[in-house]
Amino acid sequence: MARHGSLAEQLAALMAYRNRPEGPHEPLGSNWATTPANSNDEDVLAFSQERDIRMTPSVDEIMRQVATGDIERNAEGQTIRIGRLRFSDGTQTEKDFKRGADRSVIEYDRVMPVGAMLGCREKAETALGGRGYGGDYLRRSNEYFAESFDVDVPTRTKRNKRRNGRGFSRDEAQAMLDEAIANTTNMPPVKRYPAGLPAVAERVAENFNGMQTAVGGGSEVPAPWQDMVGAIVQREIWDAAMAEMKAEDVATLDVAMEAGTYTEVGIAAGQSPSYADKKSGGRKRLQAANDNLSAALRKYSA
């Protein structure tokens, strides 16, 4: 009601207490589709670049030179050569481009920072046409994940044709397993496989949703990292504020969540019914708890 407008503003901390973060963070979800019904995403995702960008030196060439172990350092201890790869000591320059005073692009000599690899180039190759993600690209991608998780490179095996039959409940399956164990004199040895990565998809990267990007550039992760970090910070602020609150203030706020009148709040706080009603004791008690919570939240959110 309008006559309670100012009081509602004063009890803003009470509303925040009702909506305080509890339980695991659940990102905002929706059953609305983010792409139109006639979207051709599946067709577009099957495409690949029409040109290759040739990087010089290539990653394979860099690793070959590193494997030689031939390292040269200058008098200051800076690495200036690894195999045939050259690195800057802060005095070399290379041609680069920048915008001049009139915003036009001009060429200039850019000083290479210490440790920068010299002679790196990138060049767009001739048109190659669309092609799949396979061959050496696929091998290197899977090897990267295997090395990151310290497991063997996943290998795919041909699956037998699945035969559908009668389904069994959990209890039925357990009873059948117990009966088979009881009828088996010598149990076969248990074969334990080493830790590995899922091999359902040919590309291991497809098992990580965070690495899948839609055509429109949006990630398929349910919530961006900013939302998760914000939720964690809010939880920490509330935990610190609630730890400073007095037990009687917390009890008053809890009663206010279910109470229908100020009188009920006052009686729950130990006041007499007449004082809680006629002397506005219940309202004063609730306002005091609200103000204490507001002060605690301001203290830890500053």
Protein backbone atom coordinates (compact mmCIF):
# COMPACT_ATOMS: atom_id res chain seq x y z
CA MET A 1 0.00 0.00 0.00
CA ALA A 2 1.13 3.58 -0.61
CA ARG A 3 1.20 4.49 3.08
CA HIS A 4 3.75 1.74 3.65
CA GLY A 5 6.04 2.93 0.85
CA SER A 6 8.65 4.61 3.05
CA LEU A 7 8.66 1.67 5.46
CA ALA A 8 9.26 -0.74 2.60
CA GLU A 9 12.33 1.27 1.60
CA GLN A 10 13.60 1.18 5.20
CA LEU A 11 13.22 -2.60 5.33
CA ALA A 12 15.20 -3.23 2.12
CA ALA A 13 17.67 -5.37 4.09
CA LEU A 14 14.79 -7.62 5.16
CA MET A 15 13.93 -8.23 1.50
CA ALA A 16 17.58 -9.00 0.78
CA TYR A 17 17.57 -11.45 3.71
CA ARG A 18 14.63 -13.28 2.16
CA ASN A 19 16.49 -13.53 -1.16
CA ARG A 20 19.91 -14.28 0.35
CA PRO A 21 22.08 -16.78 -1.57
CA GLU A 22 21.69 -20.32 -0.26
CA GLY A 23 22.52 -23.70 -1.74
CA PRO A 24 24.55 -24.25 -4.92
CA HIS A 25 24.59 -21.51 -7.52
CA GLU A 26 22.17 -22.24 -10.34
CA PRO A 27 22.57 -20.13 -13.48
CA LEU A 28 19.53 -18.62 -15.09
CA GLY A 29 17.99 -21.13 -17.46
CA SER A 30 15.29 -20.97 -20.09
CA ASN A 31 13.53 -23.31 -22.45
CA TRP A 32 13.50 -20.66 -25.17
CA ALA A 33 15.65 -21.46 -28.19
CA THR A 34 18.45 -19.00 -28.95
CA THR A 35 18.49 -19.83 -32.66
CA PRO A 36 15.64 -19.55 -35.17
CA ALA A 37 13.78 -22.66 -36.26
CA ASN A 38 15.23 -22.38 -39.77
CA SER A 39 18.80 -22.07 -38.56
CA ASN A 40 21.43 -23.81 -40.64
CA ASP A 41 23.91 -24.17 -37.78
CA GLU A 42 24.52 -27.87 -38.41
CA ASP A 43 25.40 -27.21 -42.03
CA VAL A 44 27.65 -24.26 -41.22
CA LEU A 45 29.46 -26.14 -38.43
CA ALA A 46 30.51 -28.75 -40.99
CA PHE A 47 32.39 -26.08 -42.95
CA SER A 48 36.00 -25.15 -42.33
CA GLN A 49 38.31 -22.33 -43.41
CA GLU A 50 38.78 -21.86 -47.12
CA ARG A 51 42.40 -20.79 -46.65
CA ASP A 52 45.29 -21.98 -44.51
CA ILE A 53 47.47 -19.56 -42.55
CA ARG A 54 51.05 -20.76 -42.79
CA MET A 55 53.04 -19.85 -39.67
CA THR A 56 56.82 -19.69 -39.98
CA PRO A 57 58.41 -21.34 -38.11
CA SER A 58 55.76 -24.00 -37.57
CA VAL A 59 55.05 -25.57 -34.21
CA ASP A 60 56.71 -28.81 -35.34
CA GLU A 61 59.81 -26.90 -36.43
CA ILE A 62 60.00 -25.08 -33.08
CA MET A 63 59.76 -28.37 -31.18
CA ARG A 64 62.48 -29.93 -33.37
CA GLN A 65 64.85 -27.07 -32.60
CA VAL A 66 64.07 -27.21 -28.89
CA ALA A 67 64.82 -30.93 -28.89
CA THR A 68 68.36 -30.28 -30.14
CA GLY A 69 69.28 -28.67 -26.80
CA ASP A 70 71.60 -26.24 -28.62
CA ILE A 71 71.09 -23.03 -26.61
CA GLU A 72 73.16 -19.86 -26.86
CA ARG A 73 73.10 -17.02 -24.32
CA ASN A 74 74.73 -13.60 -24.41
CA ALA A 75 76.91 -12.00 -21.74
CA GLU A 76 73.80 -10.86 -19.83
CA GLY A 77 72.37 -14.38 -19.65
CA GLN A 78 69.63 -13.74 -22.20
CA THR A 79 68.69 -16.61 -24.53
CA ILE A 80 69.41 -15.43 -28.08
CA ARG A 81 69.41 -18.74 -29.95
CA ILE A 82 67.87 -22.23 -29.68
CA GLY A 83 68.99 -24.37 -32.58
CA ARG A 84 68.20 -22.28 -35.65
CA LEU A 85 65.67 -20.10 -33.82
CA ARG A 86 66.80 -16.57 -33.00
CA PHE A 87 65.53 -14.43 -30.13
CA SER A 88 65.73 -10.73 -29.42
CA ASP A 89 67.95 -9.21 -26.77
CA GLY A 90 66.07 -5.91 -26.93
CA THR A 91 68.13 -4.24 -29.68
CA GLN A 92 66.76 -5.87 -32.85
CA THR A 93 63.98 -4.36 -34.95
CA GLU A 94 61.52 -5.77 -37.49
CA LYS A 95 59.23 -4.13 -40.00
CA ASP A 96 55.73 -3.46 -38.69
CA PHE A 97 52.78 -1.21 -39.42
CA LYS A 98 51.01 1.50 -37.40
CA ARG A 99 48.62 4.36 -37.96
CA GLY A 100 50.17 7.76 -38.47
CA ALA A 101 48.92 11.16 -37.38
CA ASP A 102 46.44 11.24 -40.25
CA ARG A 103 45.21 7.72 -39.35
CA SER A 104 46.82 6.24 -42.47
CA VAL A 105 48.81 3.00 -42.21
CA ILE A 106 52.57 3.47 -42.35
CA GLU A 107 55.52 1.10 -42.05
CA TYR A 108 58.08 1.53 -39.28
CA ASP A 109 60.88 -0.34 -37.50
CA ARG A 110 59.49 -1.87 -34.33
CA VAL A 111 61.90 -2.72 -31.52
CA MET A 112 61.40 -6.37 -30.60
CA PRO A 113 61.03 -7.02 -26.86
CA VAL A 114 63.54 -9.18 -25.03
CA GLY A 115 62.89 -12.87 -25.66
CA ALA A 116 60.74 -12.35 -28.76
CA MET A 117 61.35 -14.88 -31.54
CA LEU A 118 62.77 -13.20 -34.61
CA GLY A 119 61.82 -13.88 -38.19
CA CYS A 120 58.28 -15.11 -37.50
CA ARG A 121 55.90 -14.81 -40.43
CA GLU A 122 52.34 -15.68 -41.27
CA LYS A 123 51.02 -15.98 -44.79
CA ALA A 124 47.63 -16.85 -46.21
CA GLU A 125 47.99 -19.80 -48.53
CA THR A 126 45.98 -20.25 -51.71
CA ALA A 127 42.36 -21.31 -51.50
CA LEU A 128 42.07 -24.93 -50.41
CA GLY A 129 38.33 -25.47 -50.31
CA GLY A 130 36.43 -26.86 -47.36
CA ARG A 131 37.87 -29.88 -45.59
CA GLY A 132 37.26 -31.79 -42.41
CA TYR A 133 39.08 -31.55 -39.10
CA GLY A 134 41.34 -34.55 -39.33
CA GLY A 135 44.78 -35.85 -40.08
CA ASP A 136 47.62 -34.12 -38.28
CA TYR A 137 45.28 -31.55 -36.71
CA LEU A 138 43.24 -34.27 -35.05
CA ARG A 139 46.31 -36.14 -33.82
CA ARG A 140 47.91 -33.07 -32.25
CA SER A 141 44.64 -32.02 -30.59
CA ASN A 142 44.13 -35.44 -28.98
CA GLU A 143 47.76 -35.61 -27.92
CA TYR A 144 47.41 -32.23 -26.22
CA PHE A 145 44.53 -33.45 -24.04
CA ALA A 146 46.29 -36.72 -23.28
CA GLU A 147 49.38 -34.83 -22.14
CA SER A 148 47.31 -32.34 -20.11
CA PHE A 149 45.54 -35.10 -18.16
CA ASP A 150 48.59 -37.42 -18.07
CA VAL A 151 46.79 -40.32 -19.76
CA ASP A 152 47.24 -42.38 -22.90
CA VAL A 153 46.04 -41.06 -26.23
CA PRO A 154 42.46 -42.37 -26.68
CA THR A 155 41.90 -45.01 -29.33
CA ARG A 156 38.55 -45.86 -30.83
CA THR A 157 37.42 -49.44 -31.21
CA LYS A 158 34.67 -50.72 -33.42
CA ARG A 159 31.50 -51.28 -31.44
CA ASN A 160 29.35 -54.33 -31.92
CA LYS A 161 25.77 -53.90 -32.98
CA ARG A 162 23.57 -53.27 -29.98
CA ARG A 163 20.83 -55.76 -29.31
CA ASN A 164 17.80 -54.47 -27.51
CA GLY A 165 16.10 -56.84 -25.10
CA ARG A 166 14.01 -56.89 -21.97
CA GLY A 167 14.95 -54.33 -19.36
CA PHE A 168 15.61 -55.20 -15.74
CA SER A 169 15.13 -53.16 -12.60
CA ARG A 170 18.03 -52.48 -10.27
CA ASP A 171 16.89 -55.11 -7.78
CA GLU A 172 16.43 -57.72 -10.53
CA ALA A 173 19.85 -57.03 -11.96
CA GLN A 174 21.46 -57.26 -8.52
CA ALA A 175 19.67 -60.57 -7.81
CA MET A 176 20.90 -62.01 -11.11
CA LEU A 177 24.44 -60.85 -10.36
CA ASP A 178 24.36 -62.40 -6.87
CA GLU A 179 23.11 -65.69 -8.29
CA ALA A 180 25.86 -65.74 -10.94
CA ILE A 181 28.53 -65.06 -8.31
CA ALA A 182 27.17 -67.82 -6.07
CA ASN A 183 27.28 -70.32 -8.95
CA THR A 184 30.83 -69.41 -9.96
CA THR A 185 33.58 -71.38 -8.20
CA ASN A 186 36.56 -69.44 -9.50
CA MET A 187 35.94 -65.80 -10.20
CA PRO A 188 37.75 -64.45 -13.27
CA PRO A 189 40.43 -61.83 -12.62
CA VAL A 190 39.33 -58.23 -12.61
CA LYS A 191 40.79 -56.31 -15.51
CA ARG A 192 41.48 -52.71 -14.63
CA TYR A 193 42.07 -50.25 -17.43
CA PRO A 194 44.33 -47.24 -16.99
CA ALA A 195 42.84 -43.80 -16.67
CA GLY A 196 41.84 -42.34 -20.00
CA LEU A 197 39.63 -39.92 -21.88
CA PRO A 198 36.25 -40.60 -23.53
CA ALA A 199 36.65 -42.01 -27.02
CA VAL A 200 33.04 -41.83 -28.16
CA ALA A 201 33.84 -38.85 -30.35
CA GLU A 202 36.84 -38.87 -32.65
CA ARG A 203 37.86 -35.46 -31.33
CA VAL A 204 38.50 -35.41 -27.58
CA ALA A 205 37.80 -31.65 -27.55
CA GLU A 206 34.12 -32.35 -28.27
CA ASN A 207 33.74 -33.72 -24.72
CA PHE A 208 34.38 -30.25 -23.23
CA ASN A 209 31.38 -27.97 -23.64
CA GLY A 210 33.40 -24.90 -22.78
CA MET A 211 35.45 -25.39 -25.94
CA GLN A 212 32.41 -25.62 -28.21
CA THR A 213 31.48 -22.29 -29.79
CA ALA A 214 28.24 -21.76 -31.64
CA VAL A 215 28.16 -20.13 -35.05
CA GLY A 216 27.00 -16.85 -33.54
CA GLY A 217 30.03 -16.78 -31.27
CA GLY A 218 28.22 -17.74 -28.07
CA SER A 219 29.66 -20.34 -25.74
CA GLU A 220 27.53 -23.33 -24.77
CA VAL A 221 28.58 -23.06 -21.11
CA PRO A 222 25.38 -22.68 -18.99
CA ALA A 223 26.66 -19.54 -17.24
CA PRO A 224 29.59 -17.23 -17.96
CA TRP A 225 32.42 -17.15 -15.48
CA GLN A 226 31.47 -13.63 -14.43
CA ASP A 227 28.17 -14.93 -13.03
CA MET A 228 29.93 -17.68 -11.11
CA VAL A 229 32.49 -15.30 -9.62
CA GLY A 230 29.76 -12.81 -8.70
CA ALA A 231 27.77 -15.53 -6.96
CA ILE A 232 30.84 -16.62 -4.98
CA VAL A 233 31.56 -13.04 -3.86
CA GLN A 234 27.93 -12.51 -2.82
CA ARG A 235 28.03 -15.74 -0.81
CA GLU A 236 31.21 -14.63 0.98
CA ILE A 237 29.69 -11.22 1.84
CA TRP A 238 26.56 -12.83 3.27
CA ASP A 239 28.51 -15.39 5.27
CA ALA A 240 30.64 -12.67 6.84
CA ALA A 241 27.63 -10.46 7.58
CA MET A 242 25.58 -13.27 9.13
CA ALA A 243 28.52 -14.31 11.32
CA GLU A 244 28.52 -10.81 12.87
CA MET A 245 24.75 -10.69 13.48
CA LYS A 246 23.40 -11.32 16.96
CA ALA A 247 21.29 -14.42 17.48
CA GLU A 248 18.26 -12.37 18.52
CA ASP A 249 18.43 -10.31 15.31
CA VAL A 250 18.64 -13.45 13.16
CA ALA A 251 15.70 -14.96 15.08
CA THR A 252 13.64 -11.80 14.49
CA LEU A 253 14.37 -11.86 10.76
CA ASP A 254 13.43 -15.55 10.57
CA VAL A 255 10.11 -14.90 12.34
CA ALA A 256 9.39 -11.98 10.02
CA MET A 257 9.56 -14.36 7.05
CA GLU A 258 6.38 -16.11 8.27
CA ALA A 259 4.71 -13.56 10.58
CA GLY A 260 1.52 -11.84 9.48
CA THR A 261 1.72 -8.83 11.82
CA TYR A 262 4.27 -6.84 13.80
CA THR A 263 2.64 -8.15 16.96
CA GLU A 264 3.72 -11.69 16.12
CA VAL A 265 7.27 -10.46 15.64
CA GLY A 266 7.24 -8.71 19.03
CA ILE A 267 5.77 -11.68 20.88
CA ALA A 268 8.38 -14.00 19.35
CA ALA A 269 11.05 -11.59 20.65
CA GLY A 270 9.69 -11.91 24.21
CA GLN A 271 7.50 -8.81 24.31
CA SER A 272 4.04 -8.73 25.83
CA PRO A 273 1.13 -8.71 23.37
CA SER A 274 0.01 -5.24 24.47
CA TYR A 275 3.49 -3.73 24.14
CA ALA A 276 4.12 -5.45 20.81
CA ASP A 277 0.81 -4.10 19.46
CA LYS A 278 -0.02 -0.80 21.18
CA LYS A 279 3.53 0.48 21.65
CA SER A 280 4.75 -0.70 18.23
CA GLY A 281 7.29 -2.92 19.96
CA GLY A 282 7.18 -5.51 17.18
CA ARG A 283 7.85 -2.94 14.47
CA LYS A 284 10.72 -1.39 16.44
CA ARG A 285 12.29 -4.82 17.02
CA LEU A 286 12.07 -5.66 13.31
CA GLN A 287 13.50 -2.28 12.27
CA ALA A 288 16.40 -2.72 14.70
CA ALA A 289 17.25 -6.16 13.27
CA ASN A 290 16.89 -4.78 9.75
CA ASP A 291 19.24 -1.87 10.49
CA ASN A 292 21.84 -4.17 12.04
CA LEU A 293 21.77 -6.44 8.97
CA SER A 294 22.05 -3.44 6.64
CA ALA A 295 25.08 -2.15 8.57
CA ALA A 296 26.78 -5.58 8.42
CA LEU A 297 26.21 -5.88 4.67
CA ARG A 298 27.60 -2.38 4.05
CA LYS A 299 30.65 -3.21 6.16
CA TYR A 300 31.65 -6.31 4.19
CA SER A 301 30.62 -5.15 0.73
CA ALA A 302 32.67 -1.96 0.93
